[in-house]
Amino acid sequence: MKRLFLGIDVSTTGAKALLIDESGKLAASATTPLTLQTPRPLWSEQDPHEWWTGTAASIRKALAEAHAKGDEVGAVGLTGQMHGLVLLDAKGEVLRPAILWNDQRTAAECAEIEARVGRSQLIQEVGNVALTGFTAPKIIWVRKHEPQVYAKAKRILLPKDYVRLRLTGEAAMDKADGSGTILFELKARAWSKRVLEALEIPAEWLPPTFEGPETTGKVTREAAAATGLCAGTPVMAGGGDQAAGAVGAGAVRPGVVSLTLGTSGVVFATTDAPLVEPEGRLHAFCHAVPGKWHFMGVTLSAAGSLQWYHDTLTPKESFAEIVAEAERAPAGSEGLLFLPYLSGERTPYPDPLARGSFVGLTLRHARAHLTRAVLEGVAFSMKDCFGLLQAAGLGSVKEVRIAGGGARGALWRRIVASALGLPMLTVNSTEGAAYGAALLGGVGAGAWSSVEAACDATIAVTGRDEPVAEWAKAYEALYPRYRELYPALKPSYDRLGS
């Protein structure tokens, strides 16, 4: 009987179920859309029950598409949006909607965390500063603003781990996602007693953590009835979406960097040791690969910037049409610069009040220049991330593997290659985090001897975009001007956001 591996990805927009076979070939993929709640400006929440019903529906659809039965699934791997807070009571019931990674309500709580722990101590202990996206400030916000909810809390989970609870009846978490809570000691790959005590968060509320391919439980009879899986199917730890996405791109060894042009832009670099950027401008987390860590630079609006630009200014044209038009504009957009801080920013400026900006507009500029400036501004933001990685001791970069919706366009790949001075490689795996989760499930089930071996067996380079020499020269001259803009505009951003 053939053996399949199931990857589940609980993202903000949908619950995805993906099946691969033992060669890594895609057998089926199904996604159920999810709804987002914004009860107040800058708030972002979801109903965990919808994650479960959406996941169950997607699993059933994927099994049907693959013409497979539940007993053909050898293992399940989990991934999903990071940092979201799920609070449960003593009976495992959800106490309130989950507060998500892109929620911005916790600026005061971030300041409180750094005051209690100490900013430099926090960076050394957990690898990060306190940012509104992370889990810990959300916990403190609930304690301060919803004390009646907090008084009932007995368990803290992340989004994919609520789905795990529904699948297996077990509370567990992987170490990559755990480190994204900023309650996790980076070097020890374990919950930080020091930070938990400083923040007065009960350690017993947090689940045990596991390496990505480790078994965390088995599918229950109840979950089997809901999903079509077989009771007893092992469920592996998996990884947060960025770590699992890196597995899905084969970025599992030092020197192989993953660059994702999704709604947000992510530069992901594997490390053999728990390195930290001294000012916390890079995220330092555990990897889903056992015994590995990673650096991550994040710009919050990458392809999201192009999506905003299209929907707001060119809604009647297709993306292909406006990008083709942009190719006719010269590199550097004749001095027009775009800052892609439409949702605030993380790297290199952890600033929720940062704003998007076009700078340098003249009567000469046409729509083609504006479009190209958006693409170039995001590329410069990726360059910011690379500069911090190198300064923090990353070492040589052997390959950059580019993925995400924005990377489907050759023009943007060549712009990024030219801005960074590095070729951009594409790979045969295009399913991202869900594919990585399925590989982690397969490793745990013994289909491959290690995560590295799984990637070597299933992921291959399919394309290469070299820097364009003329463009690279233009970007080298323009990039310093780009770097001057955020410091100059920050006082205005602060006043506009107050």
Protein backbone atom coordinates (compact mmCIF):
# COMPACT_ATOMS: atom_id res chain seq x y z
CA MET A 1 0.00 0.00 0.00
CA LYS A 2 1.29 3.47 -0.88
CA ARG A 3 2.09 5.80 2.00
CA LEU A 4 1.18 9.49 2.01
CA PHE A 5 2.18 12.29 4.35
CA LEU A 6 -0.17 15.10 5.30
CA GLY A 7 0.89 18.69 5.87
CA ILE A 8 -1.59 21.02 7.57
CA ASP A 9 -1.12 24.79 7.38
CA VAL A 10 -3.37 27.04 9.48
CA SER A 11 -2.68 30.48 7.96
CA THR A 12 -4.56 33.72 8.49
CA THR A 13 -6.43 33.31 5.23
CA GLY A 14 -7.09 29.58 5.01
CA ALA A 15 -6.74 26.09 6.46
CA LYS A 16 -4.73 24.00 3.99
CA ALA A 17 -4.27 20.24 3.77
CA LEU A 18 -1.57 18.91 1.46
CA LEU A 19 -0.70 15.29 0.68
CA ILE A 20 2.64 14.11 -0.72
CA ASP A 21 3.90 10.63 -1.49
CA GLU A 22 7.19 9.03 -0.44
CA SER A 23 9.01 10.61 -3.39
CA GLY A 24 7.82 14.07 -2.35
CA LYS A 25 5.41 14.35 -5.26
CA LEU A 26 2.25 16.37 -4.59
CA ALA A 27 -0.79 14.08 -4.42
CA ALA A 28 -3.47 16.61 -3.46
CA SER A 29 -4.00 20.05 -1.95
CA ALA A 30 -7.15 21.66 -0.57
CA THR A 31 -7.76 24.94 1.24
CA THR A 32 -10.78 26.17 3.18
CA PRO A 33 -11.01 29.99 3.51
CA LEU A 34 -10.99 31.49 7.01
CA THR A 35 -12.51 34.76 8.20
CA LEU A 36 -10.65 37.54 9.95
CA GLN A 37 -12.16 39.70 12.68
CA THR A 38 -11.08 43.33 13.22
CA PRO A 39 -13.25 44.47 16.15
CA ARG A 40 -11.25 47.71 16.48
CA PRO A 41 -8.65 49.55 14.38
CA LEU A 42 -5.30 47.70 14.46
CA TRP A 43 -6.88 44.65 16.14
CA SER A 44 -6.78 41.25 14.42
CA GLU A 45 -8.52 38.14 15.74
CA GLN A 46 -9.84 34.74 14.62
CA ASP A 47 -12.10 32.06 16.06
CA PRO A 48 -10.02 28.92 16.82
CA HIS A 49 -13.08 26.73 16.26
CA GLU A 50 -13.06 27.86 12.62
CA TRP A 51 -9.44 26.70 12.28
CA TRP A 52 -10.55 23.23 13.29
CA THR A 53 -13.65 23.02 11.10
CA GLY A 54 -11.68 24.43 8.17
CA THR A 55 -8.84 21.97 8.71
CA ALA A 56 -11.20 19.01 8.94
CA ALA A 57 -12.95 20.08 5.74
CA SER A 58 -9.64 20.52 3.90
CA ILE A 59 -8.38 17.10 4.98
CA ARG A 60 -11.53 15.46 3.67
CA LYS A 61 -11.22 17.36 0.37
CA ALA A 62 -7.54 16.43 -0.03
CA LEU A 63 -8.19 12.75 0.64
CA ALA A 64 -10.97 12.79 -1.92
CA GLU A 65 -8.81 14.56 -4.51
CA ALA A 66 -6.03 11.99 -4.02
CA HIS A 67 -8.55 9.11 -4.10
CA ALA A 68 -6.96 8.04 -0.83
CA LYS A 69 -8.23 6.49 2.36
CA GLY A 70 -7.23 7.50 5.84
CA ASP A 71 -5.13 4.39 6.37
CA GLU A 72 -2.82 5.49 3.53
CA VAL A 73 -1.68 8.56 5.53
CA GLY A 74 1.48 7.58 7.40
CA ALA A 75 1.90 10.77 9.42
CA VAL A 76 0.72 14.35 9.86
CA GLY A 77 2.92 17.44 10.15
CA LEU A 78 1.59 20.79 11.36
CA THR A 79 2.42 24.38 10.55
CA GLY A 80 0.64 27.71 10.68
CA GLN A 81 0.69 31.38 11.48
CA MET A 82 3.02 32.17 14.36
CA HIS A 83 2.61 34.17 17.57
CA GLY A 84 -1.21 34.07 17.87
CA LEU A 85 -2.54 33.71 21.41
CA VAL A 86 -5.06 30.95 22.14
CA LEU A 87 -6.27 30.91 25.76
CA LEU A 88 -8.01 27.81 27.11
CA ASP A 89 -9.69 27.06 30.44
CA ALA A 90 -9.22 23.98 32.61
CA LYS A 91 -11.55 21.95 30.35
CA GLY A 92 -9.69 22.95 27.19
CA GLU A 93 -12.43 25.35 26.06
CA VAL A 94 -11.52 28.51 24.16
CA LEU A 95 -11.92 31.60 26.37
CA ARG A 96 -11.81 34.35 23.72
CA PRO A 97 -10.97 34.82 20.02
CA ALA A 98 -7.28 34.32 19.27
CA ILE A 99 -5.21 37.50 19.05
CA LEU A 100 -3.11 37.20 15.89
CA TRP A 101 0.43 37.95 14.77
CA ASN A 102 -0.58 41.15 12.96
CA ASP A 103 -2.51 42.64 15.89
CA GLN A 104 -1.01 45.97 17.02
CA ARG A 105 -2.76 46.67 20.34
CA THR A 106 0.13 45.79 22.69
CA ALA A 107 2.67 48.63 22.44
CA ALA A 108 2.34 49.44 26.16
CA GLU A 109 2.74 45.77 27.08
CA CYS A 110 5.92 45.51 24.97
CA ALA A 111 7.39 48.42 26.90
CA GLU A 112 6.38 46.73 30.16
CA ILE A 113 8.12 43.49 29.16
CA GLU A 114 11.37 45.27 28.34
CA ALA A 115 11.15 47.21 31.61
CA ARG A 116 10.59 44.03 33.65
CA VAL A 117 13.22 41.86 31.94
CA GLY A 118 15.61 44.47 30.58
CA ARG A 119 15.96 45.02 26.85
CA SER A 120 19.50 43.67 26.45
CA GLN A 121 18.78 40.75 28.80
CA LEU A 122 15.67 39.89 26.80
CA ILE A 123 17.62 39.87 23.53
CA GLN A 124 20.29 37.58 24.98
CA GLU A 125 17.75 35.23 26.59
CA VAL A 126 15.11 34.88 23.87
CA GLY A 127 16.88 36.35 20.82
CA ASN A 128 14.41 39.17 20.25
CA VAL A 129 13.06 42.46 21.51
CA ALA A 130 9.40 42.69 22.55
CA LEU A 131 7.25 43.43 19.50
CA THR A 132 3.49 43.77 19.23
CA GLY A 133 3.30 40.71 16.98
CA PHE A 134 4.69 38.29 19.55
CA THR A 135 2.70 36.21 22.00
CA ALA A 136 3.96 37.38 25.40
CA PRO A 137 2.62 40.97 25.17
CA LYS A 138 -0.78 39.58 24.19
CA ILE A 139 -0.89 37.52 27.39
CA ILE A 140 -0.14 40.60 29.47
CA TRP A 141 -2.74 42.62 27.55
CA VAL A 142 -5.44 40.08 28.43
CA ARG A 143 -4.34 40.14 32.08
CA LYS A 144 -4.64 43.93 32.17
CA HIS A 145 -7.74 44.48 30.05
CA GLU A 146 -9.76 41.28 30.43
CA PRO A 147 -9.05 40.08 33.98
CA GLN A 148 -12.20 37.96 34.03
CA VAL A 149 -10.88 35.98 31.04
CA TYR A 150 -7.36 35.75 32.45
CA ALA A 151 -8.68 34.40 35.75
CA LYS A 152 -10.10 31.36 33.92
CA ALA A 153 -6.98 30.65 31.83
CA LYS A 154 -5.11 27.39 32.36
CA ARG A 155 -3.44 26.75 28.98
CA ILE A 156 -1.67 28.82 26.30
CA LEU A 157 -1.40 27.51 22.75
CA LEU A 158 -0.52 28.85 19.29
CA PRO A 159 -2.87 28.52 16.30
CA LYS A 160 -1.61 25.27 14.77
CA ASP A 161 -1.32 23.75 18.23
CA TYR A 162 -5.02 24.26 18.87
CA VAL A 163 -5.60 22.15 15.76
CA ARG A 164 -3.14 19.61 17.22
CA LEU A 165 -5.20 19.54 20.43
CA ARG A 166 -8.33 18.81 18.42
CA LEU A 167 -6.54 16.13 16.40
CA THR A 168 -4.81 14.31 19.25
CA GLY A 169 -6.20 15.53 22.56
CA GLU A 170 -2.61 16.51 23.45
CA ALA A 171 -1.26 19.99 24.20
CA ALA A 172 2.15 20.35 22.58
CA MET A 173 4.23 22.81 20.58
CA ASP A 174 7.32 22.73 18.38
CA LYS A 175 10.46 24.59 19.41
CA ALA A 176 10.46 26.93 16.39
CA ASP A 177 6.99 28.23 17.20
CA GLY A 178 7.76 28.23 20.93
CA SER A 179 10.68 30.58 20.41
CA GLY A 180 8.32 32.99 18.63
CA THR A 181 6.44 33.62 21.87
CA ILE A 182 9.54 35.38 23.36
CA LEU A 183 9.05 33.19 26.43
CA PHE A 184 11.62 30.67 25.17
CA GLU A 185 15.31 30.45 26.07
CA LEU A 186 17.02 30.37 22.69
CA LYS A 187 20.21 28.53 23.65
CA ALA A 188 18.49 25.92 25.82
CA ARG A 189 15.59 25.36 23.37
CA ALA A 190 13.24 25.38 26.37
CA TRP A 191 10.84 27.70 28.19
CA SER A 192 12.66 30.53 29.94
CA LYS A 193 12.17 30.33 33.67
CA ARG A 194 13.70 33.78 34.04
CA VAL A 195 11.32 35.51 31.62
CA LEU A 196 8.23 33.65 32.85
CA GLU A 197 8.99 34.66 36.44
CA ALA A 198 9.68 38.27 35.48
CA LEU A 199 6.37 38.48 33.64
CA GLU A 200 4.46 36.44 36.25
CA ILE A 201 3.16 33.96 33.67
CA PRO A 202 2.58 30.48 35.13
CA ALA A 203 4.96 27.95 33.56
CA GLU A 204 2.33 25.21 33.87
CA TRP A 205 0.14 27.04 31.33
CA LEU A 206 2.69 26.30 28.60
CA PRO A 207 2.78 22.94 26.82
CA PRO A 208 5.82 20.69 26.37
CA THR A 209 7.88 21.46 23.26
CA PHE A 210 9.32 19.08 20.66
CA GLU A 211 11.69 19.10 17.70
CA GLY A 212 9.98 19.37 14.31
CA PRO A 213 9.94 15.66 13.33
CA GLU A 214 9.09 14.33 16.81
CA THR A 215 5.77 12.64 17.52
CA THR A 216 3.44 14.67 19.75
CA GLY A 217 0.35 12.47 19.74
CA LYS A 218 -1.97 10.33 17.64
CA VAL A 219 -5.25 11.08 15.90
CA THR A 220 -8.19 10.33 18.22
CA ARG A 221 -11.35 8.45 17.25
CA GLU A 222 -13.32 11.69 17.41
CA ALA A 223 -10.85 13.51 15.15
CA ALA A 224 -10.77 10.54 12.77
CA ALA A 225 -14.53 10.75 12.37
CA ALA A 226 -14.30 14.48 11.61
CA THR A 227 -11.41 14.31 9.13
CA GLY A 228 -11.39 10.91 7.44
CA LEU A 229 -7.99 10.06 8.91
CA CYS A 230 -7.44 6.84 10.82
CA ALA A 231 -7.37 6.82 14.59
CA GLY A 232 -3.81 6.27 15.74
CA THR A 233 -2.13 8.18 12.88
CA PRO A 234 0.95 9.90 14.38
CA VAL A 235 1.04 13.70 14.45
CA MET A 236 4.48 15.31 14.43
CA ALA A 237 5.47 18.62 16.02
CA GLY A 238 6.03 20.44 12.71
CA GLY A 239 7.01 24.09 12.84
CA GLY A 240 5.84 27.67 12.67
CA ASP A 241 5.09 28.80 9.14
CA GLN A 242 8.46 30.43 8.47
CA ALA A 243 10.51 27.48 9.74
CA ALA A 244 8.32 24.97 7.92
CA GLY A 245 8.43 27.15 4.80
CA ALA A 246 12.22 27.07 4.92
CA VAL A 247 12.07 23.27 5.09
CA GLY A 248 9.73 23.35 2.10
CA ALA A 249 12.31 25.41 0.17
CA GLY A 250 15.27 23.28 1.27
CA ALA A 251 16.82 26.07 3.38
CA VAL A 252 17.98 23.72 6.13
CA ARG A 253 21.76 24.22 6.10
CA PRO A 254 23.95 27.27 6.78
CA GLY A 255 24.70 29.14 3.57
CA VAL A 256 21.34 28.40 1.92
CA VAL A 257 19.06 31.40 2.46
CA SER A 258 15.34 31.49 1.79
CA LEU A 259 13.81 34.75 0.57
CA THR A 260 10.02 34.88 0.48
CA LEU A 261 8.05 37.59 -1.32
CA GLY A 262 4.67 36.87 0.21
CA THR A 263 2.30 39.38 1.79
CA SER A 264 5.24 39.99 4.09
CA GLY A 265 8.84 39.58 2.94
CA VAL A 266 11.10 37.21 4.85
CA VAL A 267 14.82 36.53 4.66
CA PHE A 268 15.51 33.26 6.48
CA ALA A 269 19.01 31.95 7.24
CA THR A 270 19.83 28.70 9.05
CA THR A 271 22.58 28.75 11.68
CA ASP A 272 24.42 26.00 13.55
CA ALA A 273 24.49 28.06 16.73
CA PRO A 274 22.02 30.38 18.53
CA LEU A 275 23.27 33.73 17.22
CA VAL A 276 21.59 37.01 18.16
CA GLU A 277 21.67 40.46 16.58
CA PRO A 278 22.80 42.76 19.43
CA GLU A 279 20.00 45.30 18.95
CA GLY A 280 17.28 42.73 18.24
CA ARG A 281 16.64 44.00 14.72
CA LEU A 282 16.66 40.42 13.41
CA HIS A 283 14.49 37.64 14.80
CA ALA A 284 16.50 34.76 16.24
CA PHE A 285 14.47 31.56 16.64
CA CYS A 286 14.93 27.81 16.85
CA HIS A 287 14.58 26.02 13.51
CA ALA A 288 12.19 23.14 12.83
CA VAL A 289 15.36 21.17 12.02
CA PRO A 290 16.61 19.48 15.23
CA GLY A 291 19.64 21.23 16.69
CA LYS A 292 19.50 24.18 14.28
CA TRP A 293 18.53 27.81 14.73
CA HIS A 294 17.75 30.61 12.31
CA PHE A 295 17.93 34.32 11.77
CA MET A 296 14.98 36.01 10.15
CA GLY A 297 14.51 39.50 8.77
CA VAL A 298 10.92 40.56 8.08
CA THR A 299 9.43 43.41 6.10
CA LEU A 300 5.71 43.45 6.81
CA SER A 301 4.51 44.61 3.37
CA ALA A 302 6.35 42.98 0.48
CA ALA A 303 3.93 41.55 -2.09
CA GLY A 304 1.40 43.24 0.20
CA SER A 305 2.77 46.57 -1.05
CA LEU A 306 2.15 45.59 -4.67
CA GLN A 307 -1.29 44.27 -3.73
CA TRP A 308 -2.16 47.61 -2.09
CA TYR A 309 -0.78 49.56 -5.05
CA HIS A 310 -2.76 47.48 -7.54
CA ASP A 311 -6.04 47.52 -5.61
CA THR A 312 -5.85 51.24 -4.84
CA LEU A 313 -4.40 52.75 -8.00
CA THR A 314 -4.72 50.23 -10.84
CA PRO A 315 -7.67 47.96 -10.01
CA LYS A 316 -8.78 47.54 -13.62
CA GLU A 317 -5.42 46.25 -14.87
CA SER A 318 -3.97 42.84 -14.12
CA PHE A 319 -0.77 42.42 -12.13
CA ALA A 320 0.91 41.14 -15.29
CA GLU A 321 -0.03 44.32 -17.17
CA ILE A 322 1.30 46.77 -14.60
CA VAL A 323 4.52 44.78 -14.04
CA ALA A 324 5.13 44.59 -17.80
CA GLU A 325 4.67 48.37 -17.93
CA ALA A 326 7.15 48.78 -15.05
CA GLU A 327 9.83 46.96 -17.02
CA ARG A 328 9.86 49.88 -19.45
CA ALA A 329 10.92 52.27 -16.67
CA PRO A 330 14.69 52.48 -16.03
CA ALA A 331 16.35 50.93 -13.00
CA GLY A 332 16.10 53.39 -10.14
CA SER A 333 12.80 54.80 -11.46
CA GLU A 334 14.56 58.09 -12.26
CA GLY A 335 15.08 58.96 -8.61
CA LEU A 336 11.68 57.87 -7.30
CA LEU A 337 11.84 55.86 -4.05
CA PHE A 338 9.19 53.88 -2.21
CA LEU A 339 9.30 52.94 1.48
CA PRO A 340 7.20 49.75 1.93
CA TYR A 341 6.14 50.42 5.54
CA LEU A 342 2.41 50.20 4.93
CA SER A 343 1.84 48.06 8.05
CA GLY A 344 4.58 49.52 10.20
CA GLU A 345 7.87 47.62 10.08
CA ARG A 346 9.97 44.97 11.80
CA THR A 347 13.38 44.81 10.09
CA PRO A 348 15.52 46.83 10.29
CA TYR A 349 13.17 49.24 12.09
CA PRO A 350 10.92 47.62 14.71
CA ASP A 351 8.43 50.46 14.46
CA PRO A 352 4.64 49.97 14.33
CA LEU A 353 4.23 53.68 13.49
CA ALA A 354 6.36 53.60 10.32
CA ARG A 355 4.38 54.49 7.21
CA GLY A 356 4.63 53.82 3.49
CA SER A 357 5.94 56.70 1.38
CA PHE A 358 6.72 57.71 -2.19
CA VAL A 359 9.62 60.18 -2.18
CA GLY A 360 11.00 62.05 -5.18
CA LEU A 361 7.91 62.42 -7.36
CA THR A 362 8.22 64.82 -10.30
CA LEU A 363 6.11 65.72 -13.32
CA ARG A 364 8.27 63.36 -15.37
CA HIS A 365 7.20 60.27 -13.43
CA ALA A 366 4.49 58.07 -14.97
CA ARG A 367 2.68 55.04 -13.63
CA ALA A 368 5.47 52.73 -14.84
CA HIS A 369 7.92 54.55 -12.56
CA LEU A 370 5.60 54.25 -9.56
CA THR A 371 5.10 50.52 -10.11
CA ARG A 372 8.80 49.88 -10.52
CA ALA A 373 9.57 51.98 -7.45
CA VAL A 374 7.30 49.71 -5.39
CA LEU A 375 9.19 46.64 -6.61
CA GLU A 376 12.54 48.32 -5.95
CA GLY A 377 11.54 49.60 -2.51
CA VAL A 378 10.72 46.07 -1.38
CA ALA A 379 14.03 44.86 -2.84
CA PHE A 380 15.89 47.52 -0.84
CA SER A 381 14.04 46.39 2.28
CA MET A 382 15.30 42.86 1.62
CA LYS A 383 18.78 44.33 1.22
CA ASP A 384 18.41 45.89 4.68
CA CYS A 385 17.76 42.41 6.06
CA PHE A 386 20.78 40.93 4.30
CA GLY A 387 23.04 43.66 5.63
CA LEU A 388 22.01 42.88 9.21
CA LEU A 389 22.49 39.15 8.65
CA GLN A 390 26.04 39.67 7.45
CA ALA A 391 26.85 42.05 10.30
CA ALA A 392 25.50 39.56 12.85
CA GLY A 393 27.96 36.87 11.75
CA LEU A 394 25.94 34.80 9.30
CA GLY A 395 28.93 33.89 7.13
CA SER A 396 28.99 33.27 3.40
CA VAL A 397 25.77 32.94 1.42
CA LYS A 398 25.99 30.08 -1.08
CA GLU A 399 22.44 30.18 -2.42
CA VAL A 400 19.35 32.36 -2.16
CA ARG A 401 16.15 30.44 -2.88
CA ILE A 402 13.29 32.79 -3.71
CA ALA A 403 9.62 31.89 -3.28
CA GLY A 404 6.20 33.39 -2.63
CA GLY A 405 3.60 34.97 -4.86
CA GLY A 406 5.79 37.96 -5.70
CA ALA A 407 8.60 35.69 -6.88
CA ARG A 408 6.48 34.33 -9.73
CA GLY A 409 7.35 37.42 -11.77
CA ALA A 410 10.74 37.39 -13.50
CA LEU A 411 11.10 41.18 -13.29
CA TRP A 412 10.86 41.24 -9.51
CA ARG A 413 13.29 38.33 -9.18
CA ARG A 414 15.82 40.17 -11.34
CA ILE A 415 15.33 43.42 -9.41
CA VAL A 416 15.95 41.62 -6.10
CA ALA A 417 18.98 39.81 -7.56
CA SER A 418 20.41 43.10 -8.80
CA ALA A 419 19.78 44.93 -5.51
CA LEU A 420 21.44 42.15 -3.47
CA GLY A 421 24.16 41.30 -5.97
CA LEU A 422 23.23 37.63 -5.71
CA PRO A 423 21.46 35.22 -8.09
CA MET A 424 17.94 34.18 -7.15
CA LEU A 425 17.21 30.44 -7.44
CA THR A 426 13.75 28.95 -7.83
CA VAL A 427 12.91 25.39 -6.77
CA ASN A 428 10.40 22.75 -7.76
CA SER A 429 8.56 23.02 -4.44
CA THR A 430 5.94 25.78 -4.57
CA GLU A 431 3.64 24.75 -1.71
CA GLY A 432 5.69 26.43 1.01
CA ALA A 433 5.01 25.76 4.67
CA ALA A 434 2.46 22.99 4.10
CA TYR A 435 5.00 21.07 2.02
CA GLY A 436 7.62 21.53 4.73
CA ALA A 437 5.16 20.27 7.34
CA ALA A 438 4.47 17.17 5.23
CA LEU A 439 8.23 16.52 4.97
CA LEU A 440 8.60 16.85 8.74
CA GLY A 441 5.78 14.33 9.12
CA GLY A 442 7.54 11.95 6.73
CA VAL A 443 10.86 12.27 8.58
CA GLY A 444 9.11 11.47 11.84
CA ALA A 445 7.52 8.41 10.22
CA GLY A 446 10.90 7.14 8.97
CA ALA A 447 10.47 7.86 5.24
CA TRP A 448 13.71 9.87 5.33
CA SER A 449 16.57 9.68 7.83
CA SER A 450 16.69 13.42 8.55
CA VAL A 451 15.15 16.70 7.51
CA GLU A 452 18.22 17.43 5.40
CA ALA A 453 17.90 14.05 3.67
CA ALA A 454 14.21 14.68 2.98
CA CYS A 455 15.00 18.02 1.33
CA ASP A 456 17.85 16.53 -0.70
CA ALA A 457 15.54 13.78 -1.98
CA THR A 458 12.58 15.98 -2.91
CA ILE A 459 13.66 19.58 -3.64
CA ALA A 460 15.60 20.62 -6.74
CA VAL A 461 16.64 23.98 -8.21
CA THR A 462 14.63 24.74 -11.35
CA GLY A 463 15.68 28.27 -12.33
CA ARG A 464 18.30 30.98 -11.79
CA ASP A 465 17.99 34.76 -12.22
CA GLU A 466 21.31 36.60 -12.31
CA PRO A 467 21.84 40.25 -11.31
CA VAL A 468 21.60 42.67 -14.23
CA ALA A 469 24.90 44.59 -14.21
CA GLU A 470 23.40 47.92 -15.30
CA TRP A 471 20.60 47.66 -12.72
CA ALA A 472 23.01 46.64 -9.97
CA LYS A 473 25.10 49.77 -10.62
CA ALA A 474 21.99 51.98 -10.43
CA TYR A 475 20.83 50.35 -7.18
CA GLU A 476 24.25 50.65 -5.59
CA ALA A 477 24.05 54.40 -6.15
CA LEU A 478 20.43 54.73 -5.04
CA TYR A 479 20.43 52.52 -1.95
CA PRO A 480 22.22 55.04 0.32
CA ARG A 481 19.51 57.59 -0.53
CA TYR A 482 16.88 55.00 0.44
CA ARG A 483 18.65 54.42 3.77
CA GLU A 484 18.51 58.14 4.59
CA LEU A 485 14.74 58.36 4.35
CA TYR A 486 13.44 56.45 7.39
CA PRO A 487 15.55 58.39 9.95
CA ALA A 488 14.53 61.64 8.29
CA LEU A 489 10.82 60.77 8.25
CA LYS A 490 10.53 59.04 11.62
CA PRO A 491 9.59 62.21 13.58
CA SER A 492 6.71 62.74 11.14
CA TYR A 493 5.64 59.10 11.42
CA ASP A 494 5.59 59.40 15.20
CA ARG A 495 3.44 62.53 15.10
CA LEU A 496 1.06 61.05 12.54
CA GLY A 497 0.62 57.91 14.62
CA SER A 498 0.05 59.66 17.95
